[in-house]
Amino acid sequence: MTPAELTLTTWVLLAAGAVLVGVAKTAISSVGSVAVVLFAFALPAKESTGALLPLLICGDVMAITVYRRHADWRVLARLLPGVLPGLALGTWFLSSASNDLVRPVIGAVLLAMSALQLWQRRRRPGNTETSPPPPVHLVTAAALGGVAGFATMTANAAGPVMTIYLILAGLPMLRMLGTGAWFFLLVNLLKVPFSTGLHLINLDSLAVDAALIPALLVGGVLGRQLVRRVSQHQFEMAALGVSVVASALLLV
């Protein structure tokens, strides 16, 4: 579908999604799942993943520019071993599943992960800012990495999974943002050959992405303002709340 063939309603949905991508990359990563929903409403499910990926990479570069010094590479390294198997499984699923099956499967996984994190928060004693949890077990980190790889390959929807992992790791807000920024840049770049091989990225989708860059930048500015105005607790609760809502929308 060429840019000229898109309706005004489609452009509004895509522009709103691009703004939310900017917010997700500079503030609450789970907001990106809402952008996934908007893109999937505007375009066929599989086409939407290819249209969104280059825009996400642009957002990742923007986030790295802002938060590059705040990454926790030890926490990131524990997650990465599971990502490649998750990407491979996601590629297989995307090549064989119908558009109607993609969104509800991812939504169900993300709702389960959000429920797990809410349960973990109830079990965690004291304030999360003064009583950080113990390091995430390697098996748990690898499993979350696999889920993140699968979710991001099939629906560009790893934001809630990454949020859950970073909260479990007990990172403060800026380190969450810096670690997440590097994770998504690396993973999204890894996804490009897979998406190209599935013919989900093409010249028409890249032209649409180019037109949405201004909306992405607006979202980035809004996200930076949000980060300056919220506490760690508010940040975590907002991230989890958006995760639940976005995951439920994927089931619709």
Protein backbone atom coordinates (compact mmCIF):
# COMPACT_ATOMS: atom_id res chain seq x y z
CA MET A 1 0.00 0.00 0.00
CA THR A 2 1.53 3.30 -1.11
CA PRO A 3 1.34 6.51 1.00
CA ALA A 4 -1.02 8.05 -1.57
CA GLU A 5 -3.50 5.19 -1.08
CA LEU A 6 -3.85 5.73 2.68
CA THR A 7 -7.01 7.46 3.91
CA LEU A 8 -7.09 10.41 6.29
CA THR A 9 -8.27 8.12 9.11
CA THR A 10 -5.35 5.80 8.47
CA TRP A 11 -2.88 8.68 8.60
CA VAL A 12 -4.38 9.93 11.88
CA LEU A 13 -4.02 6.47 13.44
CA LEU A 14 -0.46 6.12 12.17
CA ALA A 15 0.51 9.62 13.35
CA ALA A 16 -0.94 8.94 16.81
CA GLY A 17 0.99 5.69 16.89
CA ALA A 18 4.20 7.49 15.92
CA VAL A 19 3.72 10.00 18.75
CA LEU A 20 3.29 7.10 21.19
CA VAL A 21 6.45 5.47 19.84
CA GLY A 22 8.31 8.67 20.73
CA VAL A 23 6.82 8.64 24.24
CA ALA A 24 7.67 4.95 24.60
CA LYS A 25 11.29 5.47 23.63
CA THR A 26 11.91 8.40 25.98
CA ALA A 27 9.55 7.59 28.89
CA ILE A 28 7.29 4.53 29.33
CA SER A 29 8.24 1.69 26.97
CA SER A 30 4.93 -0.11 27.45
CA VAL A 31 3.17 2.76 25.64
CA GLY A 32 4.69 1.27 22.51
CA SER A 33 2.17 -1.56 22.73
CA VAL A 34 -0.64 0.96 22.22
CA ALA A 35 1.21 2.18 19.12
CA VAL A 36 1.26 -1.43 17.92
CA VAL A 37 -2.52 -1.57 18.31
CA LEU A 38 -3.02 1.69 16.39
CA PHE A 39 -0.79 0.51 13.53
CA ALA A 40 -2.63 -2.82 13.46
CA PHE A 41 -5.97 -0.99 13.27
CA ALA A 42 -4.67 1.18 10.42
CA LEU A 43 -3.01 -1.60 8.40
CA PRO A 44 -3.25 -5.40 8.07
CA ALA A 45 -1.55 -7.00 11.08
CA LYS A 46 1.52 -8.37 9.31
CA GLU A 47 2.03 -5.25 7.18
CA SER A 48 1.79 -3.13 10.30
CA THR A 49 4.80 -4.86 11.87
CA GLY A 50 6.95 -4.07 8.84
CA ALA A 51 5.77 -0.46 8.73
CA LEU A 52 6.43 0.04 12.43
CA LEU A 53 9.91 -1.51 12.70
CA PRO A 54 11.96 1.23 10.92
CA LEU A 55 10.09 3.86 12.94
CA LEU A 56 10.99 2.01 16.13
CA ILE A 57 14.65 1.98 15.13
CA CYS A 58 14.54 5.75 14.61
CA GLY A 59 13.02 6.05 18.07
CA ASP A 60 15.73 3.79 19.48
CA VAL A 61 18.43 6.08 18.08
CA MET A 62 16.66 9.05 19.68
CA ALA A 63 16.51 7.22 23.02
CA ILE A 64 20.17 6.24 22.87
CA THR A 65 21.09 9.87 22.26
CA VAL A 66 19.29 10.86 25.46
CA TYR A 67 19.93 7.90 27.80
CA ARG A 68 23.09 6.20 26.49
CA ARG A 69 25.04 6.78 29.72
CA HIS A 70 22.44 5.13 31.95
CA ALA A 71 22.56 1.55 30.63
CA ASP A 72 23.19 -1.40 32.97
CA TRP A 73 25.05 -3.85 30.74
CA ARG A 74 25.11 -6.60 33.39
CA VAL A 75 21.32 -6.65 33.57
CA LEU A 76 21.09 -6.47 29.77
CA ALA A 77 23.53 -9.36 29.26
CA ARG A 78 21.39 -11.69 31.37
CA LEU A 79 18.43 -11.10 29.06
CA LEU A 80 20.06 -11.46 25.65
CA PRO A 81 20.73 -15.26 25.51
CA GLY A 82 17.02 -15.97 25.20
CA VAL A 83 16.32 -13.33 22.58
CA LEU A 84 17.62 -15.07 19.45
CA PRO A 85 15.58 -18.28 20.01
CA GLY A 86 12.57 -16.03 20.63
CA LEU A 87 13.20 -14.15 17.39
CA ALA A 88 13.54 -17.41 15.46
CA LEU A 89 10.30 -18.76 16.93
CA GLY A 90 8.55 -15.46 16.22
CA THR A 91 9.72 -15.52 12.60
CA TRP A 92 8.34 -19.02 12.14
CA PHE A 93 5.05 -18.05 13.78
CA LEU A 94 4.70 -14.89 11.69
CA SER A 95 5.37 -16.77 8.47
CA SER A 96 2.73 -19.39 9.20
CA ALA A 97 0.05 -17.64 11.30
CA SER A 98 -2.87 -15.62 9.97
CA ASN A 99 -3.36 -11.93 10.70
CA ASP A 100 -6.31 -12.82 12.95
CA LEU A 101 -4.12 -15.04 15.15
CA VAL A 102 -1.10 -12.78 15.65
CA ARG A 103 -2.56 -10.12 17.97
CA PRO A 104 -4.53 -12.31 20.41
CA VAL A 105 -1.58 -14.66 20.99
CA ILE A 106 0.72 -11.78 21.88
CA GLY A 107 -1.97 -10.12 23.98
CA ALA A 108 -2.46 -13.29 26.02
CA VAL A 109 1.29 -13.62 26.67
CA LEU A 110 1.62 -9.99 27.73
CA LEU A 111 -1.38 -10.14 30.03
CA ALA A 112 0.14 -13.19 31.73
CA MET A 113 3.45 -11.37 32.19
CA SER A 114 1.72 -8.28 33.58
CA ALA A 115 -0.22 -10.43 36.04
CA LEU A 116 3.05 -12.04 37.15
CA GLN A 117 4.62 -8.66 37.79
CA LEU A 118 1.63 -7.41 39.78
CA TRP A 119 1.89 -10.56 41.90
CA GLN A 120 5.63 -9.94 42.39
CA ARG A 121 4.94 -6.39 43.54
CA ARG A 122 2.50 -7.65 46.17
CA ARG A 123 5.14 -10.05 47.51
CA ARG A 124 7.92 -7.46 47.53
CA PRO A 125 8.41 -5.98 51.02
CA GLY A 126 8.82 -2.28 51.58
CA ASN A 127 9.32 0.51 49.10
CA THR A 128 10.81 -0.49 45.74
CA GLU A 129 13.14 2.48 45.80
CA THR A 130 14.70 1.59 49.19
CA SER A 131 14.32 -2.21 49.13
CA PRO A 132 15.45 -3.41 45.69
CA PRO A 133 14.75 -7.05 44.81
CA PRO A 134 17.51 -9.66 44.43
CA PRO A 135 19.06 -10.18 40.97
CA VAL A 136 16.82 -11.92 38.47
CA HIS A 137 17.72 -15.61 38.14
CA LEU A 138 19.51 -16.48 34.90
CA VAL A 139 16.81 -18.97 33.90
CA THR A 140 14.09 -16.37 34.53
CA ALA A 141 16.05 -13.75 32.58
CA ALA A 142 16.58 -16.13 29.66
CA ALA A 143 12.88 -17.05 29.64
CA LEU A 144 11.88 -13.38 29.64
CA GLY A 145 14.39 -12.78 26.84
CA GLY A 146 12.74 -15.52 24.80
CA VAL A 147 9.29 -14.06 25.39
CA ALA A 148 10.59 -10.59 24.50
CA GLY A 149 12.17 -11.90 21.29
CA PHE A 150 8.97 -13.68 20.28
CA ALA A 151 6.74 -10.74 21.16
CA THR A 152 8.87 -8.15 19.40
CA MET A 153 9.22 -10.27 16.25
CA THR A 154 5.53 -11.04 15.93
CA ALA A 155 3.97 -7.75 17.02
CA ASN A 156 6.70 -5.25 17.99
CA ALA A 157 5.25 -5.65 21.48
CA ALA A 158 8.17 -6.47 23.79
CA GLY A 159 7.78 -3.24 25.78
CA PRO A 160 5.69 -4.75 28.60
CA VAL A 161 8.00 -7.77 28.89
CA MET A 162 11.07 -5.53 29.09
CA THR A 163 9.37 -3.30 31.63
CA ILE A 164 8.60 -6.32 33.81
CA TYR A 165 12.20 -7.55 33.61
CA LEU A 166 13.71 -4.16 34.44
CA ILE A 167 11.37 -3.69 37.41
CA LEU A 168 12.22 -7.18 38.65
CA ALA A 169 15.90 -6.22 38.33
CA GLY A 170 15.24 -3.25 40.63
CA LEU A 171 16.65 -0.57 38.32
CA PRO A 172 15.89 3.10 39.00
CA MET A 173 13.98 5.01 36.33
CA LEU A 174 16.87 6.43 34.29
CA ARG A 175 18.75 3.11 34.28
CA MET A 176 15.56 1.40 33.14
CA LEU A 177 15.34 3.85 30.25
CA GLY A 178 19.01 3.54 29.30
CA THR A 179 19.09 -0.25 29.49
CA GLY A 180 15.84 -0.54 27.58
CA ALA A 181 17.07 1.86 24.89
CA TRP A 182 20.13 -0.26 24.11
CA PHE A 183 18.13 -3.50 24.26
CA PHE A 184 15.54 -2.35 21.75
CA LEU A 185 18.10 -0.86 19.38
CA LEU A 186 20.07 -4.12 19.27
CA VAL A 187 16.99 -6.33 18.97
CA ASN A 188 15.23 -4.18 16.37
CA LEU A 189 18.35 -4.14 14.21
CA LEU A 190 18.49 -7.95 14.50
CA LYS A 191 14.88 -8.09 13.31
CA VAL A 192 15.53 -6.23 10.05
CA PRO A 193 16.86 -9.26 8.09
CA PHE A 194 13.97 -11.41 9.35
CA SER A 195 11.35 -8.81 8.42
CA THR A 196 12.97 -8.15 5.05
CA GLY A 197 13.01 -11.88 4.35
CA LEU A 198 9.29 -12.02 5.07
CA HIS A 199 8.76 -9.01 2.70
CA LEU A 200 7.30 -6.91 5.54
CA ILE A 201 9.63 -3.97 4.87
CA ASN A 202 9.53 -2.36 1.41
CA LEU A 203 9.91 1.03 -0.24
CA ASP A 204 6.26 1.95 0.32
CA SER A 205 6.42 1.23 4.06
CA LEU A 206 9.68 3.19 4.32
CA ALA A 207 8.02 6.18 2.62
CA VAL A 208 5.21 6.06 5.19
CA ASP A 209 7.79 5.93 7.99
CA ALA A 210 9.60 8.97 6.61
CA ALA A 211 6.37 10.97 6.68
CA LEU A 212 5.82 9.99 10.34
CA ILE A 213 9.22 11.14 11.65
CA PRO A 214 7.90 14.59 12.80
CA ALA A 215 5.19 12.88 14.88
CA LEU A 216 7.86 10.60 16.39
CA LEU A 217 9.94 13.63 17.43
CA VAL A 218 6.89 15.27 19.05
CA GLY A 219 6.39 12.11 21.09
CA GLY A 220 10.04 12.15 22.12
CA VAL A 221 9.71 15.68 23.50
CA LEU A 222 6.52 14.76 25.36
CA GLY A 223 8.22 11.71 26.86
CA ARG A 224 11.16 13.76 28.13
CA GLN A 225 8.77 16.15 29.85
CA LEU A 226 6.94 13.22 31.44
CA VAL A 227 10.11 11.70 32.88
CA ARG A 228 10.96 14.98 34.62
CA ARG A 229 7.57 15.08 36.35
CA VAL A 230 7.03 11.57 37.75
CA SER A 231 8.52 9.58 40.63
CA GLN A 232 9.93 6.04 40.42
CA HIS A 233 6.76 4.55 41.92
CA GLN A 234 4.50 6.52 39.57
CA PHE A 235 6.72 5.52 36.66
CA GLU A 236 6.50 1.80 37.49
CA MET A 237 2.74 1.85 38.10
CA ALA A 238 2.07 3.81 34.90
CA ALA A 239 4.22 1.37 32.93
CA LEU A 240 2.39 -1.64 34.35
CA GLY A 241 -1.02 -0.05 33.87
CA VAL A 242 -0.32 0.71 30.23
CA SER A 243 1.01 -2.84 29.79
CA VAL A 244 -2.27 -4.33 30.99
CA VAL A 245 -4.44 -2.03 28.87
CA ALA A 246 -2.35 -2.50 25.73
CA SER A 247 -2.25 -6.26 26.18
CA ALA A 248 -6.04 -6.38 26.55
CA LEU A 249 -6.46 -4.31 23.38
CA LEU A 250 -4.39 -6.85 21.47
CA LEU A 251 -6.99 -9.47 22.37
CA VAL A 252 -9.83 -7.50 20.76
